[in-house]
Protein backbone atom coordinates (compact mmCIF):
# COMPACT_ATOMS: atom_id res chain seq x y z
CA MET A 1 -30.33 -13.12 15.87
CA ILE A 2 -29.19 -15.71 13.22
CA THR A 3 -27.67 -18.86 15.55
CA ARG A 4 -26.51 -21.05 12.39
CA PHE A 5 -23.32 -19.73 10.33
CA LEU A 6 -22.48 -21.56 7.06
CA LEU A 7 -19.16 -20.47 5.67
CA LEU A 8 -18.51 -21.45 2.12
CA GLY A 9 -14.97 -21.31 1.24
CA ALA A 10 -13.76 -21.64 4.42
CA THR A 11 -10.44 -23.43 3.52
CA GLY A 12 -9.97 -20.16 1.62
CA ASP A 13 -7.65 -17.61 1.89
CA MET A 14 -10.56 -15.07 2.44
CA ALA A 15 -12.09 -17.25 5.12
CA GLY A 16 -8.32 -17.87 6.55
CA ARG A 17 -7.50 -14.50 6.71
CA HIS A 18 -10.24 -12.67 7.88
CA LEU A 19 -13.78 -14.54 8.54
CA LEU A 20 -12.04 -16.96 11.01
CA PRO A 21 -9.70 -14.57 13.35
CA ALA A 22 -13.23 -12.44 13.14
CA LEU A 23 -14.76 -15.11 14.78
CA ALA A 24 -11.87 -15.95 17.32
CA GLU A 25 -12.06 -12.14 18.18
CA SER A 26 -15.39 -11.87 18.64
CA ALA A 27 -15.74 -14.86 20.49
CA ALA A 28 -13.13 -13.12 22.93
CA ALA A 29 -14.65 -10.02 22.54
CA GLY A 30 -18.20 -11.74 24.02
CA THR A 31 -20.20 -10.23 20.77
CA LEU A 32 -21.20 -13.67 19.77
CA PRO A 33 -24.66 -14.90 19.62
CA ASP A 34 -25.11 -17.73 22.28
CA GLY A 35 -25.06 -21.28 20.64
CA LEU A 36 -23.71 -19.96 17.40
CA GLN A 37 -22.97 -23.32 14.92
CA VAL A 38 -20.48 -22.80 12.51
CA VAL A 39 -20.25 -25.11 9.67
CA GLY A 40 -17.40 -24.88 7.16
CA ALA A 41 -17.99 -25.72 3.58
CA ALA A 42 -15.46 -26.27 0.88
CA PRO A 43 -14.67 -28.80 -1.98
CA GLN A 44 -11.72 -30.70 -0.23
CA ASP A 45 -12.43 -34.14 0.83
CA TRP A 46 -11.84 -33.51 4.61
CA ASP A 47 -13.55 -34.48 7.93
CA ASP A 48 -14.37 -32.35 11.18
CA ASP A 49 -10.82 -33.26 12.42
CA ALA A 50 -9.19 -32.11 9.32
CA PHE A 51 -11.01 -28.83 9.31
CA ARG A 52 -10.26 -28.09 13.08
CA GLN A 53 -6.89 -28.53 12.67
CA HIS A 54 -6.68 -26.51 9.85
CA VAL A 55 -8.35 -23.57 11.43
CA ALA A 56 -6.10 -23.84 14.65
CA THR A 57 -3.34 -23.52 12.33
CA ARG A 58 -4.50 -20.21 10.30
CA LEU A 59 -5.89 -18.75 13.81
CA THR A 60 -2.42 -19.35 15.31
CA GLU A 61 -0.96 -17.27 12.15
CA HIS A 62 -3.78 -14.40 12.04
CA ALA A 63 -5.37 -14.26 15.60
CA ALA A 64 -2.19 -15.24 17.98
CA ASP A 65 -3.37 -12.49 20.37
CA VAL A 66 -6.67 -14.79 20.90
CA PRO A 67 -6.57 -16.58 24.27
CA ALA A 68 -5.44 -19.87 23.45
CA GLU A 69 -8.85 -20.90 25.12
CA VAL A 70 -11.01 -19.26 23.45
CA ARG A 71 -9.74 -20.10 19.94
CA ASP A 72 -9.64 -23.81 21.53
CA ALA A 73 -13.27 -23.84 22.36
CA LEU A 74 -14.18 -21.99 18.72
CA VAL A 75 -12.11 -24.76 16.90
CA ALA A 76 -13.65 -27.40 19.17
CA GLY A 77 -17.29 -26.85 18.04
CA LEU A 78 -16.51 -26.36 14.29
CA ARG A 79 -18.16 -28.63 11.51
CA TYR A 80 -17.47 -29.39 8.00
CA ARG A 81 -19.24 -30.78 5.42
CA GLN A 82 -17.58 -31.06 1.42
CA VAL A 83 -19.45 -29.73 -1.04
CA ASP A 84 -20.04 -29.50 -5.35
CA PHE A 85 -21.56 -26.69 -6.52
CA THR A 86 -22.63 -28.84 -9.47
CA ALA A 87 -23.98 -30.85 -7.00
CA PRO A 88 -26.97 -29.30 -4.84
CA ALA A 89 -27.35 -32.14 -2.67
CA THR A 90 -24.13 -31.83 -1.33
CA VAL A 91 -25.01 -27.69 -0.24
CA ALA A 92 -28.27 -29.02 0.88
CA ALA A 93 -26.42 -31.54 3.13
CA ALA A 94 -24.41 -28.63 4.43
CA VAL A 95 -27.48 -26.28 5.24
CA ALA A 96 -28.78 -29.31 7.18
CA ALA A 97 -26.05 -30.09 8.96
CA PHE A 98 -26.94 -27.91 12.24
CA ASP A 99 -28.52 -28.82 15.32
CA GLY A 100 -32.11 -28.13 15.34
CA ALA A 101 -34.11 -25.81 13.27
CA GLY A 102 -33.99 -21.81 12.34
CA PRO A 103 -32.54 -19.37 9.88
CA VAL A 104 -29.06 -20.23 8.26
CA ALA A 105 -26.68 -17.31 7.20
CA ALA A 106 -24.48 -18.49 4.38
CA TYR A 107 -21.84 -16.53 3.54
CA LEU A 108 -20.11 -16.85 0.45
CA ALA A 109 -16.23 -16.32 0.78
CA LEU A 110 -15.70 -17.63 -2.63
CA PRO A 111 -13.92 -16.22 -5.82
CA PRO A 112 -16.17 -14.12 -7.90
CA THR A 113 -16.87 -17.18 -10.73
CA ALA A 114 -18.00 -19.33 -8.20
CA PHE A 115 -20.96 -16.85 -6.75
CA PRO A 116 -23.36 -17.85 -9.66
CA PRO A 117 -23.20 -21.67 -9.09
CA ALA A 118 -22.99 -21.36 -5.43
CA LEU A 119 -26.06 -19.05 -5.26
CA THR A 120 -27.90 -21.72 -8.27
CA ALA A 121 -26.85 -24.59 -5.09
CA LEU A 122 -28.27 -22.69 -2.56
CA GLY A 123 -31.62 -21.98 -4.28
CA GLU A 124 -32.20 -25.32 -4.79
CA ALA A 125 -31.11 -26.66 -1.56
CA GLY A 126 -33.55 -24.14 -0.25
CA LEU A 127 -32.75 -22.38 2.87
CA PRO A 128 -35.01 -21.88 6.23
CA ALA A 129 -37.50 -18.60 6.19
CA GLY A 130 -35.52 -16.06 7.58
CA SER A 131 -32.00 -17.29 6.35
CA ARG A 132 -29.45 -14.44 4.84
CA ILE A 133 -26.93 -14.80 1.96
CA ALA A 134 -23.95 -12.68 2.46
CA VAL A 135 -21.42 -12.26 -0.87
CA GLU A 136 -18.18 -10.86 -0.92
CA LYS A 137 -16.69 -8.32 -3.58
CA PRO A 138 -16.29 -7.73 -6.52
CA PHE A 139 -19.98 -8.07 -6.99
CA GLY A 140 -19.97 -8.53 -10.82
CA ALA A 141 -17.18 -7.35 -13.32
CA ASP A 142 -19.36 -4.61 -14.87
CA LEU A 143 -22.67 -3.32 -14.69
CA ALA A 144 -24.22 -5.48 -17.09
CA SER A 145 -22.85 -8.97 -14.77
CA ALA A 146 -23.59 -6.97 -11.59
CA ALA A 147 -27.29 -6.67 -12.69
CA GLU A 148 -27.55 -10.37 -14.00
CA LEU A 149 -25.90 -11.40 -10.63
CA ASP A 150 -28.19 -8.97 -8.47
CA ALA A 151 -30.91 -10.95 -10.68
CA LEU A 152 -29.74 -14.45 -9.26
CA LEU A 153 -29.59 -13.31 -5.62
CA THR A 154 -32.81 -11.80 -5.68
CA LYS A 155 -34.26 -15.10 -7.18
CA VAL A 156 -32.52 -16.96 -4.36
CA THR A 157 -33.46 -15.09 -1.69
CA GLY A 158 -37.20 -14.43 -2.85
CA GLY A 159 -36.79 -10.56 -3.60
CA VAL A 160 -36.58 -10.08 0.60
CA GLU A 161 -33.64 -7.59 0.22
CA GLU A 162 -32.90 -7.70 3.75
CA ALA A 163 -32.08 -11.33 2.84
CA ALA A 164 -29.20 -9.95 0.47
CA TYR A 165 -25.86 -9.03 1.77
CA ARG A 166 -23.69 -7.11 -0.38
CA VAL A 167 -20.57 -7.46 1.56
CA ASP A 168 -18.01 -4.30 1.57
CA HIS A 169 -15.97 -4.57 5.12
CA PHE A 170 -14.58 -1.52 4.45
CA LEU A 171 -17.91 0.15 6.00
CA GLY A 172 -17.22 -1.41 9.15
CA MET A 173 -13.54 0.00 9.56
CA PRO A 174 -13.31 2.66 12.39
CA GLY A 175 -11.52 5.12 10.16
CA VAL A 176 -14.20 4.78 7.41
CA GLN A 177 -17.03 5.43 9.75
CA ALA A 178 -15.49 8.59 10.94
CA LEU A 179 -16.01 9.95 7.60
CA LEU A 180 -19.53 10.37 8.30
CA ALA A 181 -18.45 11.85 11.65
CA LEU A 182 -16.20 14.31 10.38
CA HIS A 183 -19.00 15.97 8.90
CA ALA A 184 -22.17 15.70 11.38
CA PRO A 185 -23.93 18.39 13.27
CA GLY A 186 -21.68 20.52 15.64
CA SER A 187 -18.47 19.33 13.90
CA PRO A 188 -15.89 22.03 13.04
CA LEU A 189 -15.86 21.42 9.50
CA VAL A 190 -19.76 21.87 9.14
CA PRO A 191 -19.63 25.60 8.50
CA GLY A 192 -18.83 26.00 4.74
CA TRP A 193 -18.50 22.29 4.42
CA GLY A 194 -17.90 21.60 0.73
CA SER A 195 -16.35 23.57 -1.82
CA GLU A 196 -16.64 26.66 -0.19
CA THR A 197 -13.61 25.42 2.13
CA VAL A 198 -12.33 22.45 0.37
CA SER A 199 -10.46 22.69 -2.77
CA SER A 200 -9.69 18.63 -3.01
CA VAL A 201 -10.38 15.72 -1.84
CA GLU A 202 -7.86 12.40 -2.31
CA VAL A 203 -9.04 9.02 -1.03
CA LEU A 204 -5.99 6.62 -0.71
CA TRP A 205 -5.58 2.84 -0.32
CA GLN A 206 -1.81 2.46 -1.34
CA GLU A 207 -0.18 -0.87 -0.06
CA SER A 208 3.49 -1.81 -0.08
CA LEU A 209 2.62 -5.62 -0.29
CA GLY A 210 2.48 -7.33 -3.72
CA LEU A 211 -0.04 -10.07 -4.55
CA ALA A 212 0.88 -12.40 -1.17
CA GLY A 213 -0.47 -15.18 -3.03
CA ARG A 214 -3.71 -14.07 -4.66
CA SER A 215 -2.65 -13.44 -8.39
CA GLY A 216 -5.08 -15.82 -9.99
CA PHE A 217 -7.91 -14.11 -8.20
CA TYR A 218 -6.00 -10.47 -8.83
CA ASP A 219 -5.41 -11.40 -12.43
CA ARG A 220 -9.22 -11.49 -13.09
CA ASN A 221 -9.94 -7.99 -11.34
CA GLY A 222 -7.02 -5.75 -10.96
CA ALA A 223 -7.16 -2.97 -8.83
CA ILE A 224 -10.01 -1.15 -10.25
CA ARG A 225 -12.77 -3.96 -9.30
CA ASP A 226 -10.77 -5.24 -6.08
CA VAL A 227 -10.56 -1.83 -4.10
CA LEU A 228 -11.75 1.01 -6.16
CA GLN A 229 -15.16 0.39 -7.88
CA ASN A 230 -16.16 -0.77 -4.12
CA HIS A 231 -14.10 0.50 -0.78
CA LEU A 232 -13.10 3.78 -2.24
CA LEU A 233 -16.27 4.69 -3.88
CA GLN A 234 -18.20 3.89 -0.89
CA SER A 235 -15.67 5.61 1.39
CA LEU A 236 -15.69 8.84 -0.65
CA THR A 237 -19.87 8.24 -0.56
CA LEU A 238 -19.58 8.57 3.35
CA LEU A 239 -17.53 11.59 2.84
CA VAL A 240 -19.51 13.89 0.41
CA MET A 241 -23.21 12.34 1.34
CA GLU A 242 -25.71 14.84 3.09
CA GLN A 243 -26.68 13.67 6.56
CA PRO A 244 -29.09 10.92 6.49
CA ALA A 245 -32.63 12.44 7.63
CA SER A 246 -32.44 9.72 10.94
CA ASP A 247 -30.51 7.36 12.52
CA SER A 248 -32.03 4.47 10.25
CA GLU A 249 -30.02 2.16 8.31
CA ALA A 250 -32.68 2.64 5.65
CA ASP A 251 -31.95 6.73 5.28
CA LEU A 252 -28.01 5.74 5.79
CA HIS A 253 -28.71 3.61 2.47
CA ALA A 254 -30.94 6.80 0.65
CA ALA A 255 -28.75 8.96 1.66
CA LYS A 256 -25.61 7.32 -0.05
CA LEU A 257 -27.25 6.49 -2.96
CA ALA A 258 -28.15 10.18 -3.56
CA ALA A 259 -24.49 10.91 -3.36
CA LEU A 260 -23.29 8.31 -5.45
CA ARG A 261 -25.75 9.27 -7.86
CA ALA A 262 -23.92 12.38 -8.20
CA VAL A 263 -20.22 10.96 -8.87
CA ARG A 264 -18.50 10.85 -12.10
CA VAL A 265 -15.23 10.53 -13.90
CA VAL A 266 -14.18 13.46 -15.25
CA GLY A 267 -13.21 11.64 -18.58
CA PRO A 268 -11.38 8.39 -19.20
CA ALA A 269 -8.22 10.13 -20.85
CA THR A 270 -7.57 11.53 -17.26
CA THR A 271 -7.41 8.21 -15.35
CA ARG A 272 -3.68 6.10 -14.94
CA ARG A 273 -3.25 2.52 -14.67
CA ALA A 274 -0.37 0.57 -14.71
CA ARG A 275 1.24 -2.58 -13.08
CA TYR A 276 4.31 -3.06 -11.21
CA SER A 277 7.95 -4.33 -12.82
CA ALA A 278 10.57 -6.07 -11.40
CA GLY A 279 11.55 -4.50 -7.75
CA THR A 280 12.52 -4.63 -4.21
CA LEU A 281 9.25 -4.30 -1.88
CA ALA A 282 9.48 -2.28 1.68
CA ASP A 283 10.20 -5.33 3.33
CA GLY A 284 13.20 -6.36 1.53
CA THR A 285 11.25 -9.02 -0.70
CA GLN A 286 12.19 -9.44 -4.40
CA VAL A 287 9.66 -9.69 -6.73
CA PRO A 288 9.39 -10.16 -10.77
CA ASP A 289 7.41 -8.30 -13.08
CA TYR A 290 3.72 -8.90 -12.16
CA ALA A 291 3.21 -10.03 -16.30
CA ALA A 292 5.81 -12.68 -15.20
CA ASP A 293 3.66 -14.59 -12.64
CA PRO A 294 2.63 -18.01 -13.59
CA GLU A 295 -1.10 -17.41 -12.58
CA VAL A 296 -1.14 -14.40 -14.56
CA ASP A 297 -2.06 -13.87 -18.22
CA PRO A 298 -0.07 -10.80 -19.40
CA ALA A 299 -2.43 -10.50 -22.49
CA ARG A 300 -5.22 -9.18 -19.70
CA GLY A 301 -3.29 -6.14 -19.52
CA THR A 302 -4.45 -6.34 -15.48
CA GLU A 303 -3.54 -3.14 -13.57
CA THR A 304 -1.99 -2.98 -9.97
CA PHE A 305 -2.31 0.71 -9.63
CA VAL A 306 -5.16 2.84 -10.71
CA GLU A 307 -5.91 6.57 -10.20
CA LEU A 308 -9.44 8.33 -11.64
CA GLU A 309 -10.16 12.07 -11.26
CA LEU A 310 -13.89 12.47 -10.20
CA VAL A 311 -16.67 15.18 -9.72
CA VAL A 312 -19.26 15.07 -7.29
CA ASP A 313 -22.32 16.87 -9.19
CA THR A 314 -23.95 18.36 -6.52
CA PRO A 315 -24.29 22.37 -5.46
CA ARG A 316 -22.21 21.67 -2.14
CA TRP A 317 -19.60 20.18 -4.10
CA ALA A 318 -19.06 22.37 -7.78
CA GLY A 319 -15.43 23.43 -7.81
CA THR A 320 -13.60 20.25 -5.71
CA ARG A 321 -11.55 17.91 -7.24
CA PHE A 322 -11.32 14.85 -6.01
CA LEU A 323 -9.06 12.07 -6.41
CA VAL A 324 -9.37 7.82 -5.92
CA ARG A 325 -6.25 5.93 -6.02
CA THR A 326 -5.20 2.85 -5.03
CA GLY A 327 -2.49 0.18 -5.87
CA LYS A 328 -0.22 -2.87 -5.01
CA ALA A 329 3.84 -3.33 -4.22
CA LEU A 330 4.38 0.76 -3.61
CA ALA A 331 6.81 2.24 -1.62
CA ARG A 332 5.03 2.27 1.52
CA ASP A 333 1.44 1.76 3.25
CA HIS A 334 -0.45 5.06 2.90
CA LYS A 335 -4.11 4.59 3.28
CA GLY A 336 -6.58 7.53 4.30
CA VAL A 337 -8.22 10.52 2.90
CA VAL A 338 -6.29 13.96 2.30
CA LEU A 339 -8.72 17.21 2.62
CA THR A 340 -6.88 20.39 1.54
CA PHE A 341 -8.90 23.16 2.09
CA ARG A 342 -8.41 26.67 0.42
CA GLY A 343 -7.28 28.33 3.68
CA THR A 344 -6.46 27.16 7.05
CA ALA A 345 -7.84 23.52 8.03
CA PRO A 346 -9.85 23.67 11.08
CA GLN A 347 -9.23 22.00 14.29
CA VAL A 348 -10.90 19.15 14.83
CA ASP A 349 -11.00 15.98 17.21
CA PRO A 350 -7.39 14.30 16.92
CA ALA A 351 -9.48 11.20 16.82
CA LEU A 352 -11.03 11.72 13.47
CA ALA A 353 -8.23 13.44 11.76
CA GLU A 354 -4.61 14.74 11.82
CA ARG A 355 -3.33 18.01 10.79
CA PRO A 356 -0.09 17.45 8.42
CA ALA A 357 0.00 20.93 7.58
CA ASP A 358 -1.62 24.37 8.00
CA ASP A 359 -3.93 23.39 5.09
CA ARG A 360 -4.92 19.66 5.18
CA LEU A 361 -6.40 17.09 6.93
CA TRP A 362 -5.59 13.48 7.29
CA VAL A 363 -7.93 10.89 8.15
CA THR A 364 -6.30 7.06 8.64
CA LEU A 365 -8.62 4.70 7.21
CA ASP A 366 -6.69 1.50 8.34
CA GLY A 367 -5.58 2.08 12.10
CA ALA A 368 -5.22 -0.90 14.26
CA VAL A 369 -7.93 -0.99 16.85
CA ASP A 370 -8.99 -3.39 19.88
CA ALA A 371 -11.60 -6.04 20.16
CA GLY A 372 -13.21 -4.57 23.15
CA ALA A 373 -13.32 -3.87 26.61
CA ASP A 374 -10.89 -5.76 28.84
CA VAL A 375 -9.50 -8.04 25.96
CA SER A 376 -5.88 -7.81 24.93
CA VAL A 377 -6.76 -7.84 21.10
CA HIS A 378 -5.26 -5.72 18.63
CA ALA A 379 -5.87 -6.02 14.92
CA PRO A 380 -5.35 -3.62 11.92
CA GLY A 381 -9.09 -2.02 11.14
CA GLU A 382 -9.41 -3.56 7.61
CA ARG A 383 -9.42 -7.26 9.07
CA THR A 384 -11.33 -6.04 12.40
CA ALA A 385 -14.05 -4.76 10.08
CA TYR A 386 -15.38 -8.20 9.61
CA ARG A 387 -16.27 -8.23 13.13
CA GLN A 388 -18.73 -5.82 12.02
CA VAL A 389 -19.67 -7.52 9.18
CA LEU A 390 -20.52 -10.59 11.22
CA ALA A 391 -22.36 -9.13 13.59
CA ASP A 392 -24.62 -7.49 10.94
CA VAL A 393 -25.24 -10.55 8.61
CA LEU A 394 -26.22 -12.71 12.13
CA SER A 395 -28.27 -9.80 13.80
CA GLY A 396 -30.17 -8.59 10.34
CA GLY A 397 -28.09 -5.31 10.14
CA SER A 398 -26.93 -3.53 6.91
CA ARG A 399 -24.24 -0.91 7.64
CA THR A 400 -21.32 -2.95 6.08
CA SER A 401 -23.93 -4.23 3.07
CA VAL A 402 -24.34 -2.16 0.02
CA SER A 403 -27.81 -2.11 -1.57
CA SER A 404 -28.33 -3.04 -5.14
CA ALA A 405 -28.84 0.37 -5.97
CA GLU A 406 -25.61 1.61 -4.35
CA THR A 407 -23.75 -1.31 -6.42
CA GLU A 408 -25.77 0.07 -9.83
CA GLN A 409 -24.40 3.36 -9.75
CA ALA A 410 -20.72 2.58 -8.19
CA TRP A 411 -20.38 0.05 -11.84
CA ARG A 412 -22.21 3.38 -13.35
CA VAL A 413 -19.04 5.17 -12.70
CA VAL A 414 -16.79 3.01 -13.51
CA ASP A 415 -18.26 1.11 -16.76
CA PRO A 416 -16.88 4.17 -19.01
CA VAL A 417 -13.10 3.69 -17.97
CA LEU A 418 -13.28 0.27 -18.08
CA THR A 419 -14.70 0.56 -22.00
CA ALA A 420 -11.86 3.06 -22.65
CA TRP A 421 -9.26 0.74 -21.39
CA ALA A 422 -10.34 -2.01 -23.13
CA ALA A 423 -10.32 0.00 -26.47
CA GLY A 424 -6.71 0.80 -25.52
CA GLU A 425 -7.67 4.51 -25.20
CA VAL A 426 -5.33 4.94 -22.02
CA PRO A 427 -2.29 3.54 -22.05
CA LEU A 428 -0.75 0.51 -19.56
CA GLN A 429 2.37 2.04 -17.79
CA GLU A 430 4.69 0.25 -15.61
CA TYR A 431 6.35 1.46 -12.00
CA PRO A 432 9.18 -0.42 -10.39
CA ALA A 433 7.96 -2.72 -7.43
CA GLY A 434 8.62 -0.62 -4.25
CA SER A 435 8.67 2.80 -5.92
CA GLU A 436 6.15 5.53 -5.58
CA GLY A 437 4.46 4.55 -8.56
CA PRO A 438 4.01 5.52 -11.96
CA ALA A 439 5.57 8.79 -12.90
């Protein structure tokens, strides 16, 4: 178990909304390793006290239901180092800020453009043996850039696959984990599981929120890179994959990879992309056109909504229609999987799926969950998933990590779509913010 955690980008939105609250919730649940040291690192010229004050504020905002004494204890033990990725000595100083010796878990909670210089700086600074590097998504912007980033990560980690952690926090969400359990041995769905009984599958991540302060990041990535290429394809994979040969993580990744290799887009012309125009969000907030945001470059044509029709080329799924869709500033939050059956849907454990119609099952992907037994912390599954990410990163696990081969296959699926969009083959539609989306 690694007990030295270096959080690069510790003053940013990812750290403040997800990772730091997850640390607090894990502390409340008693799941952090004994003696864990946390060092935050970022460009700001802060000292330990300034960083602690910042973290205390973020935890009050995003982890208010964690007992105050737990939050206070966590904050009191934090340290901070200013880093500049063009000056590897500053990164080396952050790595050396821990007491004692031992491996370090370095977490890159950074914008994608900062991944290469951060990895290069970590490589020059040198990490102790047994260290791990966790990289947030999106991992690359297309297949070619993902391969370049992976080559750099492989170089810095000395080619040790276990030392490279490509984070996909969706894999830690209970609703996503339930997708594999749906067709596990003994499930009522197993008889005829596949196109024999399932006519269509929809994987949805539709949000009522707009950009929520992330417009600069979002405009460089869009809905397809931010959510679909990683989170939604991984969710689909857990649903359509064959059961792993064993409970080992190696067999899990092998089964996921085999499924991803069978996925392809029906055709770029069947895809839809759109961005929102001025409107009123579900919470009553009025927002201007996406393209009018000062941090947005309208010439990029970045989409806030995307829908792809897919095929899974395996005997089990020949004839089933697959749809993946995600969008921002929509009428309601709708995050889950719809299974439509050719006849009456089987009865399943209500904890796994609801039955909104005779021929359908609905699996919620982002339901709220508790921190653990006897701990009154209740948070959405997406944020709660970061507790599993932290546990994996520190313990050496890989269930919330994506292998390099899986990443490559996911980009293989998406690349033809990006190429067609860049060539103007698919029009960029618009939809009013707060609506159901494009017609």
